[in-house]
Protein backbone atom coordinates (compact mmCIF):
# COMPACT_ATOMS: atom_id res chain seq x y z
CA MET A 1 21.47 -21.06 -18.06
CA THR A 2 23.07 -17.70 -17.41
CA TRP A 3 23.45 -16.18 -13.97
CA ARG A 4 20.78 -13.60 -14.85
CA GLU A 5 18.26 -16.31 -15.70
CA ALA A 6 19.13 -18.10 -12.47
CA LEU A 7 18.26 -14.99 -10.47
CA VAL A 8 14.85 -14.41 -12.07
CA VAL A 9 13.02 -17.18 -10.18
CA PRO A 10 14.33 -16.38 -6.66
CA ILE A 11 13.80 -12.64 -7.10
CA SER A 12 10.28 -13.18 -8.45
CA ALA A 13 9.45 -15.53 -5.57
CA VAL A 14 10.67 -13.05 -2.95
CA SER A 15 8.70 -10.20 -4.56
CA LEU A 16 5.55 -12.30 -4.75
CA LEU A 17 5.96 -13.36 -1.13
CA GLY A 18 6.35 -9.73 -0.02
CA PHE A 19 3.21 -8.61 -1.81
CA SER A 20 1.32 -11.62 -0.48
CA VAL A 21 2.23 -10.74 3.10
CA LEU A 22 1.12 -7.12 2.60
CA ALA A 23 -2.13 -8.17 0.94
CA PHE A 24 -2.81 -10.72 3.69
CA SER A 25 -2.28 -8.07 6.36
CA GLY A 26 -4.80 -5.88 4.55
CA LYS A 27 -2.43 -2.93 4.10
CA ILE A 28 -2.67 -2.89 0.30
CA ASP A 29 -6.38 -3.58 0.00
CA LYS A 30 -7.46 -1.00 2.61
CA GLY A 31 -4.93 1.70 1.74
CA GLU A 32 -3.50 1.72 5.27
CA SER A 33 -0.07 3.00 6.19
CA GLU A 34 1.91 3.93 9.28
CA GLU A 35 5.16 5.81 9.56
CA GLN A 36 7.24 7.47 12.25
CA VAL A 37 7.49 11.23 11.76
CA THR A 38 9.04 14.16 13.58
CA LEU A 39 7.06 17.07 14.97
CA GLU A 40 8.43 19.26 12.18
CA GLN A 41 7.00 16.87 9.56
CA CYS A 42 3.47 17.34 10.93
CA PRO A 43 1.14 20.05 9.60
CA PRO A 44 1.34 23.30 11.65
CA ALA A 45 -2.13 22.77 13.19
CA VAL A 46 -1.12 19.26 14.33
CA GLN A 47 2.14 20.62 15.77
CA ASP A 48 0.23 23.23 17.77
CA THR A 49 -2.18 20.65 19.23
CA ILE A 50 0.58 18.19 20.15
CA LYS A 51 2.67 20.97 21.75
CA ALA A 52 -0.36 22.14 23.74
CA GLN A 53 -1.05 18.61 24.97
CA ALA A 54 2.63 18.10 25.85
CA SER A 55 2.93 21.41 27.75
CA GLY A 56 5.87 20.69 30.00
CA GLY A 57 6.15 17.05 28.90
CA VAL A 58 8.41 15.27 26.43
CA ILE A 59 7.17 14.09 23.03
CA LYS A 60 8.54 10.55 22.78
CA GLU A 61 7.28 9.64 19.31
CA ILE A 62 4.77 10.53 16.63
CA GLU A 63 3.20 8.20 14.08
CA LYS A 64 1.36 9.28 10.98
CA GLU A 65 -1.41 6.79 10.26
CA THR A 66 -3.57 6.69 7.14
CA LYS A 67 -6.71 4.55 7.08
CA ASN A 68 -9.46 4.70 4.49
CA GLY A 69 -8.00 7.91 3.09
CA LYS A 70 -7.97 9.71 6.46
CA THR A 71 -4.73 10.73 8.14
CA ILE A 72 -4.30 11.02 11.88
CA TYR A 73 -1.24 11.68 13.99
CA GLU A 74 -0.68 9.67 17.14
CA ALA A 75 1.77 11.12 19.64
CA GLU A 76 3.20 9.53 22.76
CA ILE A 77 4.01 12.09 25.45
CA LEU A 78 5.82 11.56 28.75
CA LYS A 79 4.43 14.01 31.31
CA ASP A 80 4.55 13.92 35.10
CA GLY A 81 5.87 10.35 34.99
CA LYS A 82 2.93 9.14 32.91
CA THR A 83 2.67 8.25 29.25
CA ILE A 84 -0.13 10.04 27.44
CA GLU A 85 -1.41 8.93 24.04
CA VAL A 86 -2.78 11.76 21.89
CA LYS A 87 -4.57 11.35 18.55
CA VAL A 88 -4.87 14.42 16.33
CA ALA A 89 -6.69 14.91 13.01
CA GLU A 90 -4.84 16.40 10.07
CA ASP A 91 -6.59 19.74 10.68
CA GLY A 92 -5.32 19.88 14.28
CA THR A 93 -8.53 18.68 15.96
CA LEU A 94 -7.85 16.66 19.12
CA ILE A 95 -9.51 13.28 18.60
CA LYS A 96 -8.42 11.51 21.75
CA SER A 97 -6.14 11.95 24.74
CA ARG A 98 -5.66 9.27 27.36
CA VAL A 99 -3.17 8.20 29.99
CA GLU A 100 -1.78 4.78 29.13
CA ASP A 101 -2.16 2.12 31.79
CA ASP A 102 1.20 0.70 32.91
CA ASP A 103 -0.39 -2.77 33.05
CA GLU A 104 -1.18 -2.58 29.30
CA GLU A 105 2.44 -1.73 28.50
CA ASN A 106 3.81 -4.58 30.61
CA GLU A 107 1.41 -7.30 29.41
CA GLY A 108 3.52 -8.18 26.37
CA GLU A 109 6.75 -8.28 28.38
CA ASN A 110 5.55 -11.16 30.55
CA GLU A 111 4.48 -13.33 27.63
CA GLY A 112 6.87 -15.42 25.66
């Protein structure tokens, strides 16, 4: 057996395992994806909405999420000592804006 033949089985197993994990999580079947993006990578209408919501605050992070063929942008903004979660449609429409509860953020830290 050559070294190339010896690598085929482990590489195939790792690839199959990776696809199995993605399929089990539903990301492949449902066409879902999530990725971190910068403000500059967002469409201009989305940038305008996020900037307006941040007005005087700091944009901590932005995620581009695609579910069922629809893309939304979720921004986390720090403003007046509070974290605000903003969801914006691809056309710049504000879907949701809410102040995150500090208790929600700390719940996971106490578990373990």
